[in-house]
Amino acid sequence: MSFAILLLSFFLLLHLPPLRRIPALSTPTARAAVAAGLFFVGAGLMHFLMPARYAAMIPPRLPAPAFWVYLSGAAEVAGGLGLLLPRTRRLAALGLIALLLAILPANIHEAQANTATHVLPFPDWYFWLRIPFQLVYVAWVAWAGGWWPVRGRARLAAHG
């Protein structure tokens, strides 16, 4: 939930008149993409700055937790950078959606197992609240990447 507040804060900051006059930030969708790009770059970097916190959330059946932490962190950084550029935005959005769906089982596992609370400064309920927010992030990235909502047949034909 704290990440959702950060994402929304980026988005609202980009709505300030001086910023929204920048051509790359001229539409709400572009501002959503830049906000999400900044969000995912920051979230991905956290995997490298505090790997133990993320390793605690890796299900024990997966070997080499550090590998998964760094891989997911690198994917978040790459996807975030991709969202910042209009040319790569749609592909980056697909990659981030796949990543968000791929880590959803780990978030469910963490909420059930409650193993990360000893290294993360959040109460138990926070891990359950993260699960629906994961779906909010999927919807945000789909919108920011131009995948959703799709209106009309012309748009489908242009992108499909």
N, C-alpha and C. Protein backbone atom coordinates (compact mmCIF):
# COMPACT_ATOMS: atom_id res chain seq x y z
N MET A 1 0.82 -1.18 0.00
CA MET A 1 0.00 0.00 0.00
C MET A 1 0.87 1.25 0.00
N SER A 2 1.99 1.20 0.71
CA SER A 2 2.87 2.36 0.71
C SER A 2 3.42 2.61 -0.70
N PHE A 3 3.61 1.54 -1.46
CA PHE A 3 4.06 1.72 -2.84
C PHE A 3 2.97 2.36 -3.69
N ALA A 4 1.72 2.03 -3.42
CA ALA A 4 0.61 2.64 -4.17
C ALA A 4 0.55 4.14 -3.90
N ILE A 5 0.80 4.53 -2.68
CA ILE A 5 0.81 5.96 -2.34
C ILE A 5 1.95 6.65 -3.09
N LEU A 6 3.08 5.99 -3.17
CA LEU A 6 4.22 6.56 -3.91
C LEU A 6 3.89 6.70 -5.40
N LEU A 7 3.30 5.67 -5.99
CA LEU A 7 2.92 5.72 -7.40
C LEU A 7 1.93 6.86 -7.66
N LEU A 8 0.92 6.96 -6.82
CA LEU A 8 -0.07 8.01 -6.97
C LEU A 8 0.56 9.40 -6.77
N SER A 9 1.49 9.50 -5.84
CA SER A 9 2.19 10.78 -5.62
C SER A 9 2.96 11.21 -6.85
N PHE A 10 3.69 10.27 -7.47
CA PHE A 10 4.40 10.58 -8.72
C PHE A 10 3.42 11.09 -9.77
N PHE A 11 2.31 10.38 -9.90
CA PHE A 11 1.31 10.72 -10.91
C PHE A 11 0.76 12.14 -10.68
N LEU A 12 0.41 12.44 -9.43
CA LEU A 12 -0.14 13.76 -9.12
C LEU A 12 0.91 14.85 -9.30
N LEU A 13 2.14 14.57 -8.95
CA LEU A 13 3.22 15.54 -9.14
C LEU A 13 3.39 15.87 -10.62
N LEU A 14 3.27 14.88 -11.47
CA LEU A 14 3.41 15.09 -12.91
C LEU A 14 2.24 15.87 -13.50
N HIS A 15 1.17 16.03 -12.74
CA HIS A 15 0.02 16.82 -13.18
C HIS A 15 0.19 18.31 -12.92
N LEU A 16 1.23 18.70 -12.21
CA LEU A 16 1.45 20.12 -11.95
C LEU A 16 1.62 20.85 -13.28
N PRO A 17 1.04 22.04 -13.40
CA PRO A 17 1.05 22.76 -14.69
C PRO A 17 2.42 22.85 -15.39
N PRO A 18 3.51 23.17 -14.70
CA PRO A 18 4.76 23.26 -15.46
C PRO A 18 5.18 21.91 -16.06
N LEU A 19 4.90 20.83 -15.37
CA LEU A 19 5.32 19.52 -15.86
C LEU A 19 4.42 18.99 -16.97
N ARG A 20 3.12 19.18 -16.81
CA ARG A 20 2.22 18.62 -17.82
C ARG A 20 2.28 19.37 -19.15
N ARG A 21 2.97 20.49 -19.18
CA ARG A 21 3.18 21.21 -20.44
C ARG A 21 4.32 20.62 -21.25
N ILE A 22 5.13 19.78 -20.63
CA ILE A 22 6.21 19.10 -21.35
C ILE A 22 5.55 18.11 -22.33
N PRO A 23 5.93 18.12 -23.61
CA PRO A 23 5.27 17.25 -24.58
C PRO A 23 5.20 15.77 -24.16
N ALA A 24 6.23 15.26 -23.54
CA ALA A 24 6.24 13.85 -23.13
C ALA A 24 5.28 13.57 -21.98
N LEU A 25 4.75 14.63 -21.36
CA LEU A 25 3.83 14.48 -20.24
C LEU A 25 2.47 15.12 -20.53
N SER A 26 2.15 15.28 -21.79
CA SER A 26 0.97 16.05 -22.17
C SER A 26 -0.36 15.33 -21.97
N THR A 27 -0.35 14.02 -21.84
CA THR A 27 -1.61 13.29 -21.65
C THR A 27 -1.58 12.56 -20.30
N PRO A 28 -2.75 12.29 -19.76
CA PRO A 28 -2.79 11.52 -18.51
C PRO A 28 -2.13 10.15 -18.64
N THR A 29 -2.29 9.51 -19.80
CA THR A 29 -1.67 8.20 -20.00
C THR A 29 -0.15 8.31 -20.00
N ALA A 30 0.38 9.34 -20.62
CA ALA A 30 1.84 9.53 -20.62
C ALA A 30 2.33 9.80 -19.20
N ARG A 31 1.59 10.59 -18.44
CA ARG A 31 1.98 10.86 -17.06
C ARG A 31 1.89 9.58 -16.23
N ALA A 32 0.90 8.76 -16.49
CA ALA A 32 0.77 7.48 -15.79
C ALA A 32 1.96 6.58 -16.10
N ALA A 33 2.40 6.60 -17.36
CA ALA A 33 3.54 5.76 -17.77
C ALA A 33 4.83 6.24 -17.10
N VAL A 34 5.04 7.55 -17.07
CA VAL A 34 6.25 8.08 -16.44
C VAL A 34 6.21 7.83 -14.94
N ALA A 35 5.07 8.03 -14.32
CA ALA A 35 4.94 7.75 -12.89
C ALA A 35 5.24 6.29 -12.59
N ALA A 36 4.67 5.38 -13.39
CA ALA A 36 4.93 3.96 -13.19
C ALA A 36 6.39 3.62 -13.49
N GLY A 37 6.95 4.27 -14.51
CA GLY A 37 8.36 4.03 -14.82
C GLY A 37 9.26 4.40 -13.66
N LEU A 38 9.05 5.57 -13.08
CA LEU A 38 9.83 6.00 -11.92
C LEU A 38 9.62 5.06 -10.74
N PHE A 39 8.37 4.67 -10.55
CA PHE A 39 8.01 3.75 -9.47
C PHE A 39 8.75 2.43 -9.59
N PHE A 40 8.72 1.83 -10.80
CA PHE A 40 9.35 0.52 -10.97
C PHE A 40 10.87 0.59 -10.95
N VAL A 41 11.45 1.66 -11.45
CA VAL A 41 12.90 1.81 -11.35
C VAL A 41 13.28 1.86 -9.87
N GLY A 42 12.57 2.66 -9.10
CA GLY A 42 12.85 2.75 -7.66
C GLY A 42 12.63 1.43 -6.94
N ALA A 43 11.52 0.76 -7.24
CA ALA A 43 11.23 -0.52 -6.60
C ALA A 43 12.29 -1.57 -6.97
N GLY A 44 12.70 -1.55 -8.23
CA GLY A 44 13.72 -2.51 -8.65
C GLY A 44 15.06 -2.26 -7.99
N LEU A 45 15.42 -0.99 -7.85
CA LEU A 45 16.69 -0.66 -7.19
C LEU A 45 16.69 -1.11 -5.73
N MET A 46 15.53 -1.08 -5.10
CA MET A 46 15.44 -1.53 -3.70
C MET A 46 15.84 -2.99 -3.56
N HIS A 47 15.62 -3.80 -4.60
CA HIS A 47 16.04 -5.20 -4.55
C HIS A 47 17.55 -5.33 -4.40
N PHE A 48 18.27 -4.37 -4.96
CA PHE A 48 19.73 -4.40 -4.90
C PHE A 48 20.25 -3.73 -3.63
N LEU A 49 19.51 -2.79 -3.11
CA LEU A 49 19.94 -2.07 -1.92
C LEU A 49 19.60 -2.82 -0.63
N MET A 50 18.51 -3.58 -0.64
CA MET A 50 18.08 -4.32 0.54
C MET A 50 17.66 -5.74 0.16
N PRO A 51 18.58 -6.53 -0.38
CA PRO A 51 18.19 -7.86 -0.88
C PRO A 51 17.65 -8.80 0.20
N ALA A 52 18.11 -8.68 1.42
CA ALA A 52 17.64 -9.59 2.47
C ALA A 52 16.14 -9.43 2.72
N ARG A 53 15.66 -8.21 2.60
CA ARG A 53 14.22 -7.99 2.81
C ARG A 53 13.39 -8.70 1.76
N TYR A 54 13.88 -8.72 0.54
CA TYR A 54 13.14 -9.37 -0.53
C TYR A 54 13.37 -10.89 -0.53
N ALA A 55 14.56 -11.32 -0.15
CA ALA A 55 14.85 -12.75 -0.10
C ALA A 55 13.96 -13.46 0.91
N ALA A 56 13.58 -12.75 1.96
CA ALA A 56 12.71 -13.34 2.97
C ALA A 56 11.33 -13.68 2.42
N MET A 57 10.95 -13.08 1.31
CA MET A 57 9.63 -13.32 0.73
C MET A 57 9.65 -14.42 -0.33
N ILE A 58 10.82 -14.91 -0.70
CA ILE A 58 10.91 -15.96 -1.71
C ILE A 58 10.46 -17.28 -1.10
N PRO A 59 9.53 -17.98 -1.75
CA PRO A 59 9.08 -19.27 -1.19
C PRO A 59 10.26 -20.23 -1.03
N PRO A 60 10.29 -20.99 0.05
CA PRO A 60 11.44 -21.88 0.31
C PRO A 60 11.64 -22.97 -0.74
N ARG A 61 10.61 -23.28 -1.51
CA ARG A 61 10.77 -24.32 -2.54
C ARG A 61 11.63 -23.84 -3.71
N LEU A 62 11.84 -22.53 -3.82
CA LEU A 62 12.68 -22.00 -4.89
C LEU A 62 14.13 -21.92 -4.40
N PRO A 63 15.04 -22.51 -5.14
CA PRO A 63 16.45 -22.43 -4.73
C PRO A 63 17.02 -21.04 -5.01
N ALA A 64 18.09 -20.72 -4.36
CA ALA A 64 18.85 -19.49 -4.60
C ALA A 64 17.99 -18.24 -4.53
N PRO A 65 17.48 -17.88 -3.35
CA PRO A 65 16.61 -16.71 -3.24
C PRO A 65 17.26 -15.42 -3.78
N ALA A 66 18.56 -15.27 -3.60
CA ALA A 66 19.23 -14.05 -4.07
C ALA A 66 19.09 -13.92 -5.59
N PHE A 67 19.17 -15.03 -6.30
CA PHE A 67 19.01 -15.00 -7.76
C PHE A 67 17.66 -14.40 -8.13
N TRP A 68 16.58 -14.84 -7.46
CA TRP A 68 15.23 -14.38 -7.78
C TRP A 68 15.05 -12.91 -7.39
N VAL A 69 15.68 -12.52 -6.29
CA VAL A 69 15.60 -11.12 -5.86
C VAL A 69 16.25 -10.22 -6.91
N TYR A 70 17.46 -10.57 -7.32
CA TYR A 70 18.18 -9.73 -8.29
C TYR A 70 17.52 -9.79 -9.67
N LEU A 71 17.03 -10.95 -10.07
CA LEU A 71 16.36 -11.08 -11.37
C LEU A 71 15.09 -10.22 -11.40
N SER A 72 14.28 -10.30 -10.36
CA SER A 72 13.06 -9.51 -10.35
C SER A 72 13.38 -8.02 -10.22
N GLY A 73 14.41 -7.68 -9.48
CA GLY A 73 14.82 -6.28 -9.39
C GLY A 73 15.28 -5.74 -10.73
N ALA A 74 16.08 -6.53 -11.44
CA ALA A 74 16.55 -6.12 -12.77
C ALA A 74 15.38 -5.98 -13.74
N ALA A 75 14.42 -6.90 -13.65
CA ALA A 75 13.25 -6.83 -14.53
C ALA A 75 12.41 -5.58 -14.22
N GLU A 76 12.29 -5.23 -12.95
CA GLU A 76 11.54 -4.03 -12.60
C GLU A 76 12.25 -2.77 -13.11
N VAL A 77 13.57 -2.72 -12.96
CA VAL A 77 14.32 -1.56 -13.46
C VAL A 77 14.17 -1.47 -14.98
N ALA A 78 14.37 -2.58 -15.67
CA ALA A 78 14.27 -2.57 -17.13
C ALA A 78 12.87 -2.18 -17.58
N GLY A 79 11.85 -2.73 -16.95
CA GLY A 79 10.48 -2.39 -17.30
C GLY A 79 10.17 -0.93 -17.01
N GLY A 80 10.65 -0.44 -15.88
CA GLY A 80 10.45 0.96 -15.54
C GLY A 80 11.10 1.89 -16.54
N LEU A 81 12.33 1.58 -16.92
CA LEU A 81 13.01 2.39 -17.92
C LEU A 81 12.27 2.33 -19.25
N GLY A 82 11.76 1.16 -19.60
CA GLY A 82 10.99 1.01 -20.83
C GLY A 82 9.72 1.83 -20.84
N LEU A 83 9.07 1.97 -19.68
CA LEU A 83 7.86 2.79 -19.61
C LEU A 83 8.15 4.27 -19.80
N LEU A 84 9.37 4.69 -19.50
CA LEU A 84 9.72 6.10 -19.63
C LEU A 84 9.83 6.54 -21.09
N LEU A 85 10.06 5.59 -21.98
CA LEU A 85 10.26 5.92 -23.39
C LEU A 85 9.04 5.50 -24.21
N PRO A 86 8.43 6.44 -24.94
CA PRO A 86 7.23 6.09 -25.72
C PRO A 86 7.46 4.93 -26.71
N ARG A 87 8.65 4.83 -27.27
CA ARG A 87 8.92 3.76 -28.26
C ARG A 87 8.88 2.37 -27.64
N THR A 88 9.22 2.25 -26.38
CA THR A 88 9.30 0.93 -25.73
C THR A 88 8.19 0.72 -24.70
N ARG A 89 7.31 1.68 -24.58
CA ARG A 89 6.30 1.67 -23.52
C ARG A 89 5.39 0.44 -23.58
N ARG A 90 4.88 0.12 -24.75
CA ARG A 90 3.94 -1.01 -24.85
C ARG A 90 4.61 -2.34 -24.51
N LEU A 91 5.80 -2.55 -25.02
CA LEU A 91 6.52 -3.80 -24.74
C LEU A 91 6.91 -3.87 -23.26
N ALA A 92 7.37 -2.75 -22.71
CA ALA A 92 7.73 -2.72 -21.29
C ALA A 92 6.52 -3.02 -20.42
N ALA A 93 5.37 -2.50 -20.82
CA ALA A 93 4.15 -2.76 -20.05
C ALA A 93 3.81 -4.25 -20.05
N LEU A 94 3.95 -4.90 -21.19
CA LEU A 94 3.69 -6.34 -21.24
C LEU A 94 4.65 -7.10 -20.32
N GLY A 95 5.92 -6.72 -20.36
CA GLY A 95 6.89 -7.37 -19.49
C GLY A 95 6.59 -7.16 -18.02
N LEU A 96 6.21 -5.95 -17.65
CA LEU A 96 5.88 -5.69 -16.25
C LEU A 96 4.60 -6.40 -15.83
N ILE A 97 3.63 -6.47 -16.71
CA ILE A 97 2.40 -7.22 -16.39
C ILE A 97 2.74 -8.68 -16.14
N ALA A 98 3.57 -9.25 -17.00
CA ALA A 98 3.99 -10.65 -16.81
C ALA A 98 4.73 -10.81 -15.48
N LEU A 99 5.60 -9.87 -15.17
CA LEU A 99 6.33 -9.93 -13.90
C LEU A 99 5.38 -9.83 -12.72
N LEU A 100 4.46 -8.87 -12.76
CA LEU A 100 3.52 -8.71 -11.66
C LEU A 100 2.67 -9.95 -11.44
N LEU A 101 2.26 -10.58 -12.52
CA LEU A 101 1.49 -11.82 -12.39
C LEU A 101 2.36 -12.97 -11.91
N ALA A 102 3.63 -12.99 -12.33
CA ALA A 102 4.54 -14.06 -11.92
C ALA A 102 4.87 -13.98 -10.43
N ILE A 103 4.95 -12.78 -9.88
CA ILE A 103 5.29 -12.67 -8.46
C ILE A 103 4.06 -12.68 -7.55
N LEU A 104 2.88 -12.70 -8.14
CA LEU A 104 1.66 -12.76 -7.33
C LEU A 104 1.64 -14.00 -6.43
N PRO A 105 2.00 -15.19 -6.93
CA PRO A 105 2.03 -16.36 -6.02
C PRO A 105 3.01 -16.17 -4.85
N ALA A 106 4.12 -15.50 -5.08
CA ALA A 106 5.06 -15.24 -3.98
C ALA A 106 4.43 -14.32 -2.95
N ASN A 107 3.67 -13.34 -3.40
CA ASN A 107 3.00 -12.45 -2.45
C ASN A 107 1.92 -13.18 -1.66
N ILE A 108 1.21 -14.08 -2.32
CA ILE A 108 0.21 -14.89 -1.62
C ILE A 108 0.91 -15.80 -0.61
N HIS A 109 2.01 -16.42 -1.03
CA HIS A 109 2.78 -17.28 -0.12
C HIS A 109 3.23 -16.49 1.10
N GLU A 110 3.74 -15.29 0.88
CA GLU A 110 4.23 -14.48 1.99
C GLU A 110 3.11 -14.12 2.95
N ALA A 111 1.94 -13.79 2.42
CA ALA A 111 0.81 -13.46 3.29
C ALA A 111 0.42 -14.67 4.14
N GLN A 112 0.45 -15.85 3.54
CA GLN A 112 0.08 -17.07 4.27
C GLN A 112 1.15 -17.50 5.26
N ALA A 113 2.41 -17.47 4.82
CA ALA A 113 3.51 -17.98 5.65
C ALA A 113 3.98 -16.98 6.68
N ASN A 114 3.82 -15.68 6.38
CA ASN A 114 4.21 -14.63 7.31
C ASN A 114 5.69 -14.76 7.72
N THR A 115 6.56 -14.97 6.73
CA THR A 115 7.98 -15.17 7.05
C THR A 115 8.81 -13.90 6.93
N ALA A 116 8.31 -12.89 6.24
CA ALA A 116 9.12 -11.69 6.03
C ALA A 116 8.94 -10.63 7.11
N THR A 117 7.99 -10.84 8.01
CA THR A 117 7.73 -9.79 8.99
C THR A 117 8.91 -9.54 9.91
N HIS A 118 9.81 -10.49 10.03
CA HIS A 118 10.97 -10.27 10.88
C HIS A 118 12.02 -9.36 10.22
N VAL A 119 11.96 -9.17 8.91
CA VAL A 119 12.90 -8.29 8.23
C VAL A 119 12.23 -7.09 7.57
N LEU A 120 10.93 -7.10 7.48
CA LEU A 120 10.20 -5.97 6.91
C LEU A 120 9.42 -5.25 8.01
N PRO A 121 9.43 -3.93 7.99
CA PRO A 121 8.79 -3.18 9.08
C PRO A 121 7.29 -2.97 8.87
N PHE A 122 6.57 -4.04 8.55
CA PHE A 122 5.14 -3.91 8.29
C PHE A 122 4.37 -4.91 9.15
N PRO A 123 3.15 -4.56 9.54
CA PRO A 123 2.31 -5.51 10.29
C PRO A 123 1.83 -6.65 9.38
N ASP A 124 1.35 -7.70 10.00
CA ASP A 124 0.92 -8.88 9.24
C ASP A 124 -0.13 -8.56 8.18
N TRP A 125 -1.11 -7.71 8.49
CA TRP A 125 -2.19 -7.41 7.55
C TRP A 125 -1.68 -6.77 6.26
N TYR A 126 -0.53 -6.11 6.34
CA TYR A 126 0.03 -5.43 5.17
C TYR A 126 0.25 -6.41 4.02
N PHE A 127 0.71 -7.61 4.34
CA PHE A 127 1.02 -8.59 3.29
C PHE A 127 -0.25 -9.11 2.61
N TRP A 128 -1.36 -9.14 3.32
CA TRP A 128 -2.63 -9.49 2.70
C TRP A 128 -3.15 -8.35 1.83
N LEU A 129 -2.92 -7.12 2.27
CA LEU A 129 -3.37 -5.96 1.52
C LEU A 129 -2.60 -5.80 0.21
N ARG A 130 -1.36 -6.29 0.18
CA ARG A 130 -0.55 -6.19 -1.04
C ARG A 130 -1.16 -6.97 -2.21
N ILE A 131 -1.86 -8.03 -1.92
CA ILE A 131 -2.37 -8.90 -2.98
C ILE A 131 -3.35 -8.16 -3.90
N PRO A 132 -4.40 -7.52 -3.41
CA PRO A 132 -5.26 -6.78 -4.34
C PRO A 132 -4.54 -5.61 -5.01
N PHE A 133 -3.58 -5.01 -4.31
CA PHE A 133 -2.84 -3.91 -4.92
C PHE A 133 -1.98 -4.39 -6.08
N GLN A 134 -1.57 -5.65 -6.07
CA GLN A 134 -0.83 -6.20 -7.20
C GLN A 134 -1.69 -6.12 -8.47
N LEU A 135 -2.98 -6.37 -8.32
CA LEU A 135 -3.88 -6.29 -9.46
C LEU A 135 -4.12 -4.84 -9.88
N VAL A 136 -4.09 -3.92 -8.93
CA VAL A 136 -4.18 -2.50 -9.26
C VAL A 136 -2.96 -2.10 -10.10
N TYR A 137 -1.78 -2.58 -9.71
CA TYR A 137 -0.57 -2.28 -10.47
C TYR A 137 -0.66 -2.84 -11.89
N VAL A 138 -1.20 -4.04 -12.03
CA VAL A 138 -1.38 -4.62 -13.37
C VAL A 138 -2.27 -3.71 -14.20
N ALA A 139 -3.39 -3.26 -13.65
CA ALA A 139 -4.30 -2.39 -14.39
C ALA A 139 -3.61 -1.06 -14.73
N TRP A 140 -2.87 -0.50 -13.79
CA TRP A 140 -2.18 0.77 -14.03
C TRP A 140 -1.18 0.63 -15.17
N VAL A 141 -0.38 -0.43 -15.13
CA VAL A 141 0.63 -0.65 -16.17
C VAL A 141 -0.03 -0.90 -17.52
N ALA A 142 -1.13 -1.64 -17.53
CA ALA A 142 -1.85 -1.87 -18.79
C ALA A 142 -2.37 -0.56 -19.35
N TRP A 143 -2.90 0.30 -18.52
CA TRP A 143 -3.36 1.63 -18.95
C TRP A 143 -2.19 2.46 -19.43
N ALA A 144 -1.13 2.52 -18.64
CA ALA A 144 0.04 3.35 -18.98
C ALA A 144 0.71 2.87 -20.26
N GLY A 145 0.65 1.57 -20.52
CA GLY A 145 1.29 1.02 -21.71
C GLY A 145 0.40 1.04 -22.94
N GLY A 146 -0.82 1.54 -22.79
CA GLY A 146 -1.71 1.63 -23.93
C GLY A 146 -2.45 0.35 -24.24
N TRP A 147 -2.48 -0.59 -23.31
CA TRP A 147 -3.16 -1.86 -23.54
C TRP A 147 -4.59 -1.88 -23.02
N TRP A 148 -4.93 -0.95 -22.13
CA TRP A 148 -6.24 -0.98 -21.52
C TRP A 148 -6.62 0.39 -21.04
N PRO A 149 -7.83 0.84 -21.19
CA PRO A 149 -8.90 0.18 -21.93
C PRO A 149 -8.74 0.41 -23.42
N VAL A 150 -9.12 -0.56 -24.19
CA VAL A 150 -9.09 -0.44 -25.65
C VAL A 150 -10.48 -0.02 -26.09
N ARG A 151 -10.55 1.11 -26.78
CA ARG A 151 -11.85 1.64 -27.22
C ARG A 151 -11.97 1.54 -28.74
N GLY A 152 -12.99 0.85 -29.17
CA GLY A 152 -13.33 0.83 -30.59
C GLY A 152 -12.48 -0.11 -31.42
N ARG A 153 -13.00 -0.46 -32.58
CA ARG A 153 -12.33 -1.37 -33.49
C ARG A 153 -11.10 -0.75 -34.13
N ALA A 154 -11.12 0.55 -34.37
CA ALA A 154 -9.97 1.21 -35.00
C ALA A 154 -8.73 1.06 -34.14
N ARG A 155 -8.86 1.20 -32.84
CA ARG A 155 -7.72 1.06 -31.95
C ARG A 155 -7.23 -0.39 -31.93
N LEU A 156 -8.18 -1.32 -31.94
CA LEU A 156 -7.79 -2.74 -31.99
C LEU A 156 -7.02 -3.03 -33.27
N ALA A 157 -7.49 -2.54 -34.37
CA ALA A 157 -6.83 -2.79 -35.64
C ALA A 157 -5.45 -2.14 -35.68
N ALA A 158 -5.32 -0.96 -35.09
CA ALA A 158 -4.03 -0.25 -35.11
C ALA A 158 -2.99 -0.96 -34.25
N HIS A 159 -3.39 -1.66 -33.22
CA HIS A 159 -2.43 -2.27 -32.32
C HIS A 159 -2.43 -3.79 -32.41
N GLY A 160 -3.30 -4.37 -33.14
CA GLY A 160 -3.39 -5.82 -33.12
C GLY A 160 -3.06 -6.36 -34.41
